[in-house]
Amino acid sequence: MKLLFATLEVEIGFNRFLLHKTKQN
């Protein structure tokens, strides 16, 4: 169960990173 939450956290962080990069352009 902990692994699932860790994966979700990484996915959310990655999505935020992509969103931030898109806003800069």
C-alpha atoms as a PDB file:
ATOM      1  CA  MET A   1       0.000   0.000   0.000  1.00  0.00           C
ATOM      2  CA  LYS A   2       2.831   2.401   0.801  1.00  0.00           C
ATOM      3  CA  LEU A   3       4.319   1.751  -2.633  1.00  0.00           C
ATOM      4  CA  LEU A   4       1.081   2.852  -4.287  1.00  0.00           C
ATOM      5  CA  PHE A   5       1.068   6.175  -2.458  1.00  0.00           C
ATOM      6  CA  ALA A   6       4.736   6.733  -3.272  1.00  0.00           C
ATOM      7  CA  THR A   7       3.994   6.173  -6.954  1.00  0.00           C
ATOM      8  CA  LEU A   8       1.087   8.616  -6.840  1.00  0.00           C
ATOM      9  CA  GLU A   9       3.259  11.220  -5.143  1.00  0.00           C
ATOM     10  CA  VAL A  10       5.939  10.865  -7.808  1.00  0.00           C
ATOM     11  CA  GLU A  11       3.344  11.147 -10.578  1.00  0.00           C
ATOM     12  CA  ILE A  12       1.837  14.305  -9.053  1.00  0.00           C
ATOM     13  CA  GLY A  13       5.282  15.837  -8.608  1.00  0.00           C
ATOM     14  CA  PHE A  14       6.193  14.987 -12.198  1.00  0.00           C
ATOM     15  CA  ASN A  15       2.955  16.505 -13.496  1.00  0.00           C
ATOM     16  CA  ARG A  16       3.609  19.701 -11.532  1.00  0.00           C
ATOM     17  CA  PHE A  17       7.120  19.826 -12.964  1.00  0.00           C
ATOM     18  CA  LEU A  18       5.786  19.521 -16.519  1.00  0.00           C
ATOM     19  CA  LEU A  19       3.085  22.124 -15.854  1.00  0.00           C
ATOM     20  CA  HIS A  20       5.678  24.559 -14.474  1.00  0.00           C
ATOM     21  CA  LYS A  21       7.929  24.009 -17.486  1.00  0.00           C
ATOM     22  CA  THR A  22       5.035  24.620 -19.872  1.00  0.00           C
ATOM     23  CA  LYS A  23       4.117  27.891 -18.143  1.00  0.00           C
ATOM     24  CA  GLN A  24       7.669  29.233 -18.521  1.00  0.00           C
ATOM     25  CA  ASN A  25       7.662  28.908 -22.321  1.00  0.00           C
END
